[in-house]
Amino acid sequence: DTAIYYCAANARNRASDYTTGFESEYDYWGQ
């Protein structure tokens, strides 16, 4: 599990139960 962990936000208007594992679906990233 050793790694740098990043938080990401999908800022597109999606359904209330929408989740995704695709990086391309995320618009903002932490450091």
Full PDB file with SEQRES, HELIX, SHEET, SSBOND, CRYST1, ORIGX, SCALE, CONECT and MASTER records, all heavy atoms in Angstrom:
SEQRES   1 A   31  ASP THR ALA ILE TYR TYR CYS ALA ALA ASN ALA ARG ASN          
SEQRES   2 A   31  ARG ALA SER ASP TYR THR THR GLY PHE GLU SER GLU TYR          
SEQRES   3 A   31  ASP TYR TRP GLY GLN                                          
HELIX    1 AA1 GLU A   23  GLU A   25  5                                   3    
SHEET    1 AA1 2 ALA A   8  ALA A   9  0                                        
SHEET    2 AA1 2 TYR A  28  TRP A  29 -1                                        
CRYST1    1.000    1.000    1.000  90.00  90.00  90.00 P 1           1          
ORIGX1      1.000000  0.000000  0.000000        0.00000                         
ORIGX2      0.000000  1.000000  0.000000        0.00000                         
ORIGX3      0.000000  0.000000  1.000000        0.00000                         
SCALE1      1.000000  0.000000  0.000000        0.00000                         
SCALE2      0.000000  1.000000  0.000000        0.00000                         
SCALE3      0.000000  0.000000  1.000000        0.00000                         
ATOM      1  N   ASP A   1       0.816  -1.210   0.000  1.00  0.00           N  
ATOM      2  CA  ASP A   1       0.000   0.000   0.000  1.00  0.00           C  
ATOM      3  C   ASP A   1       0.854   1.266   0.000  1.00  0.00           C  
ATOM      4  O   ASP A   1       0.319   2.372  -0.111  1.00  0.00           O  
ATOM      5  CB  ASP A   1      -0.927   0.023   1.230  1.00  0.00           C  
ATOM      6  CG  ASP A   1      -1.961  -1.080   1.209  1.00  0.00           C  
ATOM      7  OD1 ASP A   1      -2.533  -1.346   0.136  1.00  0.00           O  
ATOM      8  OD2 ASP A   1      -2.198  -1.677   2.286  1.00  0.00           O  
ATOM      9  N   THR A   2       2.157   1.105   0.123  1.00  0.00           N  
ATOM     10  CA  THR A   2       3.059   2.253   0.109  1.00  0.00           C  
ATOM     11  C   THR A   2       2.946   2.999  -1.206  1.00  0.00           C  
ATOM     12  O   THR A   2       3.095   2.407  -2.281  1.00  0.00           O  
ATOM     13  CB  THR A   2       4.504   1.794   0.336  1.00  0.00           C  
ATOM     14  OG1 THR A   2       4.619   1.263   1.662  1.00  0.00           O  
ATOM     15  CG2 THR A   2       5.468   2.967   0.173  1.00  0.00           C  
ATOM     16  N   ALA A   3       2.673   4.288  -1.122  1.00  0.00           N  
ATOM     17  CA  ALA A   3       2.469   5.100  -2.324  1.00  0.00           C  
ATOM     18  C   ALA A   3       2.195   6.541  -1.913  1.00  0.00           C  
ATOM     19  O   ALA A   3       1.975   6.829  -0.729  1.00  0.00           O  
ATOM     20  CB  ALA A   3       1.291   4.572  -3.135  1.00  0.00           C  
ATOM     21  N   ILE A   4       2.185   7.400  -2.911  1.00  0.00           N  
ATOM     22  CA  ILE A   4       1.636   8.738  -2.725  1.00  0.00           C  
ATOM     23  C   ILE A   4       0.146   8.642  -3.039  1.00  0.00           C  
ATOM     24  O   ILE A   4      -0.234   8.132  -4.106  1.00  0.00           O  
ATOM     25  CB  ILE A   4       2.313   9.768  -3.631  1.00  0.00           C  
ATOM     26  CG1 ILE A   4       3.810   9.843  -3.326  1.00  0.00           C  
ATOM     27  CG2 ILE A   4       1.671  11.138  -3.457  1.00  0.00           C  
ATOM     28  CD1 ILE A   4       4.587  10.716  -4.287  1.00  0.00           C  
ATOM     29  N   TYR A   5      -0.670   9.135  -2.133  1.00  0.00           N  
ATOM     30  CA  TYR A   5      -2.119   9.072  -2.291  1.00  0.00           C  
ATOM     31  C   TYR A   5      -2.657  10.442  -2.693  1.00  0.00           C  
ATOM     32  O   TYR A   5      -2.343  11.455  -2.049  1.00  0.00           O  
ATOM     33  CB  TYR A   5      -2.776   8.602  -1.000  1.00  0.00           C  
ATOM     34  CG  TYR A   5      -2.637   7.116  -0.790  1.00  0.00           C  
ATOM     35  CD1 TYR A   5      -1.398   6.555  -0.467  1.00  0.00           C  
ATOM     36  CD2 TYR A   5      -3.718   6.259  -0.940  1.00  0.00           C  
ATOM     37  CE1 TYR A   5      -1.260   5.185  -0.297  1.00  0.00           C  
ATOM     38  CE2 TYR A   5      -3.592   4.889  -0.769  1.00  0.00           C  
ATOM     39  CZ  TYR A   5      -2.358   4.361  -0.448  1.00  0.00           C  
ATOM     40  OH  TYR A   5      -2.222   3.003  -0.288  1.00  0.00           O  
ATOM     41  N   TYR A   6      -3.474  10.436  -3.738  1.00  0.00           N  
ATOM     42  CA  TYR A   6      -4.031  11.657  -4.293  1.00  0.00           C  
ATOM     43  C   TYR A   6      -5.554  11.673  -4.161  1.00  0.00           C  
ATOM     44  O   TYR A   6      -6.213  10.663  -4.418  1.00  0.00           O  
ATOM     45  CB  TYR A   6      -3.685  11.779  -5.769  1.00  0.00           C  
ATOM     46  CG  TYR A   6      -2.216  11.873  -6.057  1.00  0.00           C  
ATOM     47  CD1 TYR A   6      -1.470  10.732  -6.316  1.00  0.00           C  
ATOM     48  CD2 TYR A   6      -1.569  13.105  -6.101  1.00  0.00           C  
ATOM     49  CE1 TYR A   6      -0.111  10.808  -6.594  1.00  0.00           C  
ATOM     50  CE2 TYR A   6      -0.212  13.195  -6.382  1.00  0.00           C  
ATOM     51  CZ  TYR A   6       0.503  12.043  -6.629  1.00  0.00           C  
ATOM     52  OH  TYR A   6       1.846  12.119  -6.897  1.00  0.00           O  
ATOM     53  N   CYS A   7      -6.063  12.830  -3.836  1.00  0.00           N  
ATOM     54  CA  CYS A   7      -7.499  13.083  -3.819  1.00  0.00           C  
ATOM     55  C   CYS A   7      -7.859  13.749  -5.151  1.00  0.00           C  
ATOM     56  O   CYS A   7      -7.087  14.553  -5.676  1.00  0.00           O  
ATOM     57  CB  CYS A   7      -7.806  14.020  -2.649  1.00  0.00           C  
ATOM     58  SG  CYS A   7      -9.500  14.574  -2.512  1.00  0.00           S  
ATOM     59  N   ALA A   8      -9.020  13.406  -5.695  1.00  0.00           N  
ATOM     60  CA  ALA A   8      -9.443  13.966  -6.970  1.00  0.00           C  
ATOM     61  C   ALA A   8     -10.941  14.247  -6.964  1.00  0.00           C  
ATOM     62  O   ALA A   8     -11.697  13.554  -6.276  1.00  0.00           O  
ATOM     63  CB  ALA A   8      -9.097  13.007  -8.107  1.00  0.00           C  
ATOM     64  N   ALA A   9     -11.326  15.254  -7.751  1.00  0.00           N  
ATOM     65  CA  ALA A   9     -12.729  15.672  -7.811  1.00  0.00           C  
ATOM     66  C   ALA A   9     -13.253  15.609  -9.238  1.00  0.00           C  
ATOM     67  O   ALA A   9     -12.591  16.088 -10.168  1.00  0.00           O  
ATOM     68  CB  ALA A   9     -12.886  17.088  -7.270  1.00  0.00           C  
ATOM     69  N   ASN A  10     -14.430  15.022  -9.386  1.00  0.00           N  
ATOM     70  CA  ASN A  10     -15.162  15.037 -10.653  1.00  0.00           C  
ATOM     71  C   ASN A  10     -16.198  16.148 -10.554  1.00  0.00           C  
ATOM     72  O   ASN A  10     -17.197  16.008  -9.851  1.00  0.00           O  
ATOM     73  CB  ASN A  10     -15.822  13.680 -10.871  1.00  0.00           C  
ATOM     74  CG  ASN A  10     -16.733  13.651 -12.077  1.00  0.00           C  
ATOM     75  OD1 ASN A  10     -17.764  14.327 -12.104  1.00  0.00           O  
ATOM     76  ND2 ASN A  10     -16.368  12.885 -13.086  1.00  0.00           N  
ATOM     77  N   ALA A  11     -15.932  17.253 -11.265  1.00  0.00           N  
ATOM     78  CA  ALA A  11     -16.773  18.441 -11.132  1.00  0.00           C  
ATOM     79  C   ALA A  11     -17.873  18.523 -12.193  1.00  0.00           C  
ATOM     80  O   ALA A  11     -18.502  19.565 -12.364  1.00  0.00           O  
ATOM     81  CB  ALA A  11     -15.909  19.693 -11.198  1.00  0.00           C  
ATOM     82  N   ARG A  12     -18.096  17.421 -12.898  1.00  0.00           N  
ATOM     83  CA  ARG A  12     -19.138  17.385 -13.914  1.00  0.00           C  
ATOM     84  C   ARG A  12     -20.447  16.968 -13.255  1.00  0.00           C  
ATOM     85  O   ARG A  12     -20.449  16.175 -12.326  1.00  0.00           O  
ATOM     86  CB  ARG A  12     -18.738  16.402 -15.006  1.00  0.00           C  
ATOM     87  CG  ARG A  12     -17.335  16.720 -15.529  1.00  0.00           C  
ATOM     88  CD  ARG A  12     -16.716  15.595 -16.304  1.00  0.00           C  
ATOM     89  NE  ARG A  12     -15.265  15.713 -16.270  1.00  0.00           N  
ATOM     90  CZ  ARG A  12     -14.445  14.954 -16.970  1.00  0.00           C  
ATOM     91  NH1 ARG A  12     -14.921  14.008 -17.765  1.00  0.00           N  
ATOM     92  NH2 ARG A  12     -13.137  15.126 -16.873  1.00  0.00           N  
ATOM     93  N   ASN A  13     -21.514  17.453 -13.764  1.00  0.00           N  
ATOM     94  CA  ASN A  13     -22.806  17.196 -13.137  1.00  0.00           C  
ATOM     95  C   ASN A  13     -23.251  15.768 -13.416  1.00  0.00           C  
ATOM     96  O   ASN A  13     -23.655  15.445 -14.524  1.00  0.00           O  
ATOM     97  CB  ASN A  13     -23.840  18.183 -13.662  1.00  0.00           C  
ATOM     98  CG  ASN A  13     -25.097  18.187 -12.829  1.00  0.00           C  
ATOM     99  OD1 ASN A  13     -25.136  17.625 -11.730  1.00  0.00           O  
ATOM    100  ND2 ASN A  13     -26.137  18.801 -13.345  1.00  0.00           N  
ATOM    101  N   ARG A  14     -23.147  14.933 -12.408  1.00  0.00           N  
ATOM    102  CA  ARG A  14     -23.454  13.516 -12.576  1.00  0.00           C  
ATOM    103  C   ARG A  14     -24.593  13.102 -11.663  1.00  0.00           C  
ATOM    104  O   ARG A  14     -24.996  13.836 -10.771  1.00  0.00           O  
ATOM    105  CB  ARG A  14     -22.213  12.679 -12.258  1.00  0.00           C  
ATOM    106  CG  ARG A  14     -20.999  12.959 -13.135  1.00  0.00           C  
ATOM    107  CD  ARG A  14     -21.204  12.575 -14.559  1.00  0.00           C  
ATOM    108  NE  ARG A  14     -19.947  12.588 -15.319  1.00  0.00           N  
ATOM    109  CZ  ARG A  14     -19.869  12.410 -16.628  1.00  0.00           C  
ATOM    110  NH1 ARG A  14     -20.978  12.226 -17.318  1.00  0.00           N  
ATOM    111  NH2 ARG A  14     -18.694  12.424 -17.226  1.00  0.00           N  
ATOM    112  N   ALA A  15     -25.053  11.884 -11.886  1.00  0.00           N  
ATOM    113  CA  ALA A  15     -26.118  11.347 -11.045  1.00  0.00           C  
ATOM    114  C   ALA A  15     -25.650  11.181  -9.605  1.00  0.00           C  
ATOM    115  O   ALA A  15     -24.445  11.070  -9.342  1.00  0.00           O  
ATOM    116  CB  ALA A  15     -26.574   9.999 -11.593  1.00  0.00           C  
ATOM    117  N   SER A  16     -26.597  11.157  -8.707  1.00  0.00           N  
ATOM    118  CA  SER A  16     -26.273  11.125  -7.280  1.00  0.00           C  
ATOM    119  C   SER A  16     -25.551   9.857  -6.858  1.00  0.00           C  
ATOM    120  O   SER A  16     -24.935   9.823  -5.798  1.00  0.00           O  
ATOM    121  CB  SER A  16     -27.549  11.281  -6.458  1.00  0.00           C  
ATOM    122  OG  SER A  16     -28.439  10.207  -6.724  1.00  0.00           O  
ATOM    123  N   ASP A  17     -25.617   8.802  -7.700  1.00  0.00           N  
ATOM    124  CA  ASP A  17     -24.950   7.551  -7.348  1.00  0.00           C  
ATOM    125  C   ASP A  17     -23.731   7.278  -8.242  1.00  0.00           C  
ATOM    126  O   ASP A  17     -23.222   6.167  -8.294  1.00  0.00           O  
ATOM    127  CB  ASP A  17     -25.917   6.380  -7.432  1.00  0.00           C  
ATOM    128  CG  ASP A  17     -26.490   6.196  -8.829  1.00  0.00           C  
ATOM    129  OD1 ASP A  17     -26.293   7.090  -9.679  1.00  0.00           O  
ATOM    130  OD2 ASP A  17     -27.157   5.169  -9.061  1.00  0.00           O  
ATOM    131  N   TYR A  18     -23.268   8.318  -8.920  1.00  0.00           N  
ATOM    132  CA  TYR A  18     -22.167   8.161  -9.873  1.00  0.00           C  
ATOM    133  C   TYR A  18     -20.825   8.062  -9.161  1.00  0.00           C  
ATOM    134  O   TYR A  18     -20.483   8.898  -8.315  1.00  0.00           O  
ATOM    135  CB  TYR A  18     -22.138   9.339 -10.836  1.00  0.00           C  
ATOM    136  CG  TYR A  18     -20.980   9.318 -11.804  1.00  0.00           C  
ATOM    137  CD1 TYR A  18     -21.029   8.547 -12.958  1.00  0.00           C  
ATOM    138  CD2 TYR A  18     -19.834  10.085 -11.566  1.00  0.00           C  
ATOM    139  CE1 TYR A  18     -19.964   8.532 -13.847  1.00  0.00           C  
ATOM    140  CE2 TYR A  18     -18.773  10.081 -12.449  1.00  0.00           C  
ATOM    141  CZ  TYR A  18     -18.851   9.305 -13.595  1.00  0.00           C  
ATOM    142  OH  TYR A  18     -17.800   9.292 -14.470  1.00  0.00           O  
ATOM    143  N   THR A  19     -20.056   7.034  -9.523  1.00  0.00           N  
ATOM    144  CA  THR A  19     -18.666   6.902  -9.093  1.00  0.00           C  
ATOM    145  C   THR A  19     -17.858   6.472 -10.294  1.00  0.00           C  
ATOM    146  O   THR A  19     -18.395   5.924 -11.257  1.00  0.00           O  
ATOM    147  CB  THR A  19     -18.497   5.854  -7.975  1.00  0.00           C  
ATOM    148  OG1 THR A  19     -18.880   4.562  -8.478  1.00  0.00           O  
ATOM    149  CG2 THR A  19     -19.327   6.198  -6.750  1.00  0.00           C  
ATOM    150  N   THR A  20     -16.563   6.689 -10.263  1.00  0.00           N  
ATOM    151  CA  THR A  20     -15.730   6.283 -11.389  1.00  0.00           C  
ATOM    152  C   THR A  20     -14.308   6.024 -10.941  1.00  0.00           C  
ATOM    153  O   THR A  20     -13.798   6.702 -10.044  1.00  0.00           O  
ATOM    154  CB  THR A  20     -15.750   7.337 -12.501  1.00  0.00           C  
ATOM    155  OG1 THR A  20     -14.909   6.885 -13.576  1.00  0.00           O  
ATOM    156  CG2 THR A  20     -15.239   8.685 -12.014  1.00  0.00           C  
ATOM    157  N   GLY A  21     -13.667   5.096 -11.625  1.00  0.00           N  
ATOM    158  CA  GLY A  21     -12.269   4.792 -11.359  1.00  0.00           C  
ATOM    159  C   GLY A  21     -11.348   5.280 -12.473  1.00  0.00           C  
ATOM    160  O   GLY A  21     -10.146   5.001 -12.447  1.00  0.00           O  
ATOM    161  N   PHE A  22     -11.901   6.020 -13.430  1.00  0.00           N  
ATOM    162  CA  PHE A  22     -11.105   6.496 -14.561  1.00  0.00           C  
ATOM    163  C   PHE A  22     -10.494   7.867 -14.256  1.00  0.00           C  
ATOM    164  O   PHE A  22     -11.203   8.823 -13.975  1.00  0.00           O  
ATOM    165  CB  PHE A  22     -11.964   6.592 -15.819  1.00  0.00           C  
ATOM    166  CG  PHE A  22     -12.426   5.263 -16.332  1.00  0.00           C  
ATOM    167  CD1 PHE A  22     -13.729   4.846 -16.134  1.00  0.00           C  
ATOM    168  CD2 PHE A  22     -11.553   4.422 -17.009  1.00  0.00           C  
ATOM    169  CE1 PHE A  22     -14.164   3.615 -16.597  1.00  0.00           C  
ATOM    170  CE2 PHE A  22     -11.974   3.186 -17.469  1.00  0.00           C  
ATOM    171  CZ  PHE A  22     -13.282   2.783 -17.269  1.00  0.00           C  
ATOM    172  N   GLU A  23      -9.181   7.956 -14.375  1.00  0.00           N  
ATOM    173  CA  GLU A  23      -8.502   9.229 -14.125  1.00  0.00           C  
ATOM    174  C   GLU A  23      -9.033  10.347 -15.003  1.00  0.00           C  
ATOM    175  O   GLU A  23      -9.159  11.492 -14.552  1.00  0.00           O  
ATOM    176  CB  GLU A  23      -6.999   9.078 -14.382  1.00  0.00           C  
ATOM    177  CG  GLU A  23      -6.240   8.352 -13.299  1.00  0.00           C  
ATOM    178  CD  GLU A  23      -4.734   8.512 -13.445  1.00  0.00           C  
ATOM    179  OE1 GLU A  23      -4.275   9.640 -13.691  1.00  0.00           O  
ATOM    180  OE2 GLU A  23      -4.029   7.509 -13.304  1.00  0.00           O  
ATOM    181  N   SER A  24      -9.359  10.021 -16.240  1.00  0.00           N  
ATOM    182  CA  SER A  24      -9.813  11.034 -17.193  1.00  0.00           C  
ATOM    183  C   SER A  24     -11.140  11.668 -16.788  1.00  0.00           C  
ATOM    184  O   SER A  24     -11.517  12.711 -17.320  1.00  0.00           O  
ATOM    185  CB  SER A  24      -9.933  10.424 -18.589  1.00  0.00           C  
ATOM    186  OG  SER A  24     -10.876   9.367 -18.570  1.00  0.00           O  
ATOM    187  N   GLU A  25     -11.846  11.050 -15.878  1.00  0.00           N  
ATOM    188  CA  GLU A  25     -13.124  11.591 -15.414  1.00  0.00           C  
ATOM    189  C   GLU A  25     -12.961  12.607 -14.287  1.00  0.00           C  
ATOM    190  O   GLU A  25     -13.937  13.212 -13.867  1.00  0.00           O  
ATOM    191  CB  GLU A  25     -14.027  10.452 -14.929  1.00  0.00           C  
ATOM    192  CG  GLU A  25     -14.592   9.601 -16.054  1.00  0.00           C  
ATOM    193  CD  GLU A  25     -15.616  10.359 -16.877  1.00  0.00           C  
ATOM    194  OE1 GLU A  25     -16.554  10.936 -16.302  1.00  0.00           O  
ATOM    195  OE2 GLU A  25     -15.460  10.389 -18.122  1.00  0.00           O  
ATOM    196  N   TYR A  26     -11.751  12.801 -13.819  1.00  0.00           N  
ATOM    197  CA  TYR A  26     -11.513  13.721 -12.710  1.00  0.00           C  
ATOM    198  C   TYR A  26     -10.898  15.015 -13.210  1.00  0.00           C  
ATOM    199  O   TYR A  26      -9.994  15.012 -14.035  1.00  0.00           O  
ATOM    200  CB  TYR A  26     -10.630  13.058 -11.653  1.00  0.00           C  
ATOM    201  CG  TYR A  26     -11.374  11.972 -10.911  1.00  0.00           C  
ATOM    202  CD1 TYR A  26     -11.365  10.659 -11.360  1.00  0.00           C  
ATOM    203  CD2 TYR A  26     -12.126  12.277  -9.779  1.00  0.00           C  
ATOM    204  CE1 TYR A  26     -12.086   9.667 -10.698  1.00  0.00           C  
ATOM    205  CE2 TYR A  26     -12.839  11.286  -9.111  1.00  0.00           C  
ATOM    206  CZ  TYR A  26     -12.822   9.994  -9.580  1.00  0.00           C  
ATOM    207  OH  TYR A  26     -13.527   9.028  -8.917  1.00  0.00           O  
ATOM    208  N   ASP A  27     -11.414  16.116 -12.686  1.00  0.00           N  
ATOM    209  CA  ASP A  27     -11.037  17.432 -13.176  1.00  0.00           C  
ATOM    210  C   ASP A  27     -10.000  18.128 -12.310  1.00  0.00           C  
ATOM    211  O   ASP A  27      -9.255  18.984 -12.793  1.00  0.00           O  
ATOM    212  CB  ASP A  27     -12.286  18.320 -13.246  1.00  0.00           C  
ATOM    213  CG  ASP A  27     -13.374  17.681 -14.086  1.00  0.00           C  
ATOM    214  OD1 ASP A  27     -13.175  17.569 -15.309  1.00  0.00           O  
ATOM    215  OD2 ASP A  27     -14.409  17.273 -13.508  1.00  0.00           O  
ATOM    216  N   TYR A  28      -9.985  17.814 -11.033  1.00  0.00           N  
ATOM    217  CA  TYR A  28      -9.078  18.480 -10.100  1.00  0.00           C  
ATOM    218  C   TYR A  28      -8.354  17.445  -9.249  1.00  0.00           C  
ATOM    219  O   TYR A  28      -8.942  16.424  -8.859  1.00  0.00           O  
ATOM    220  CB  TYR A  28      -9.859  19.447  -9.197  1.00  0.00           C  
ATOM    221  CG  TYR A  28     -10.594  20.513  -9.954  1.00  0.00           C  
ATOM    222  CD1 TYR A  28     -11.958  20.407 -10.202  1.00  0.00           C  
ATOM    223  CD2 TYR A  28      -9.917  21.622 -10.444  1.00  0.00           C  
ATOM    224  CE1 TYR A  28     -12.638  21.383 -10.911  1.00  0.00           C  
ATOM    225  CE2 TYR A  28     -10.588  22.608 -11.155  1.00  0.00           C  
ATOM    226  CZ  TYR A  28     -11.935  22.471 -11.383  1.00  0.00           C  
ATOM    227  OH  TYR A  28     -12.599  23.448 -12.084  1.00  0.00           O  
ATOM    228  N   TRP A  29      -7.092  17.766  -8.943  1.00  0.00           N  
ATOM    229  CA  TRP A  29      -6.237  16.853  -8.189  1.00  0.00           C  
ATOM    230  C   TRP A  29      -5.507  17.599  -7.093  1.00  0.00           C  
ATOM    231  O   TRP A  29      -5.126  18.759  -7.260  1.00  0.00           O  
ATOM    232  CB  TRP A  29      -5.207  16.209  -9.118  1.00  0.00           C  
ATOM    233  CG  TRP A  29      -5.825  15.319 -10.144  1.00  0.00           C  
ATOM    234  CD1 TRP A  29      -6.400  15.700 -11.330  1.00  0.00           C  
ATOM    235  CD2 TRP A  29      -5.940  13.896 -10.080  1.00  0.00           C  
ATOM    236  NE1 TRP A  29      -6.872  14.600 -11.992  1.00  0.00           N  
ATOM    237  CE2 TRP A  29      -6.606  13.475 -11.261  1.00  0.00           C  
ATOM    238  CE3 TRP A  29      -5.557  12.940  -9.145  1.00  0.00           C  
ATOM    239  CZ2 TRP A  29      -6.885  12.133 -11.521  1.00  0.00           C  
ATOM    240  CZ3 TRP A  29      -5.827  11.604  -9.405  1.00  0.00           C  
ATOM    241  CH2 TRP A  29      -6.482  11.211 -10.585  1.00  0.00           C  
ATOM    242  N   GLY A  30      -5.300  16.892  -5.983  1.00  0.00           N  
ATOM    243  CA  GLY A  30      -4.461  17.436  -4.934  1.00  0.00           C  
ATOM    244  C   GLY A  30      -2.995  17.135  -5.205  1.00  0.00           C  
ATOM    245  O   GLY A  30      -2.650  16.500  -6.207  1.00  0.00           O  
ATOM    246  N   GLN A  31      -2.141  17.578  -4.296  1.00  0.00           N  
ATOM    247  CA  GLN A  31      -0.694  17.400  -4.450  1.00  0.00           C  
ATOM    248  C   GLN A  31      -0.225  16.049  -3.935  1.00  0.00           C  
ATOM    249  O   GLN A  31       0.893  15.623  -4.249  1.00  0.00           O  
ATOM    250  CB  GLN A  31       0.043  18.513  -3.708  1.00  0.00           C  
ATOM    251  CG  GLN A  31      -0.161  19.884  -4.320  1.00  0.00           C  
ATOM    252  CD  GLN A  31       0.316  19.941  -5.747  1.00  0.00           C  
ATOM    253  OE1 GLN A  31       1.454  19.608  -6.064  1.00  0.00           O  
ATOM    254  NE2 GLN A  31      -0.567  20.354  -6.649  1.00  0.00           N  
TER     255      GLN A  31                                                      
MASTER        0    0    0    1    2    0    0    6  254    1    0    3          
END                                                                             
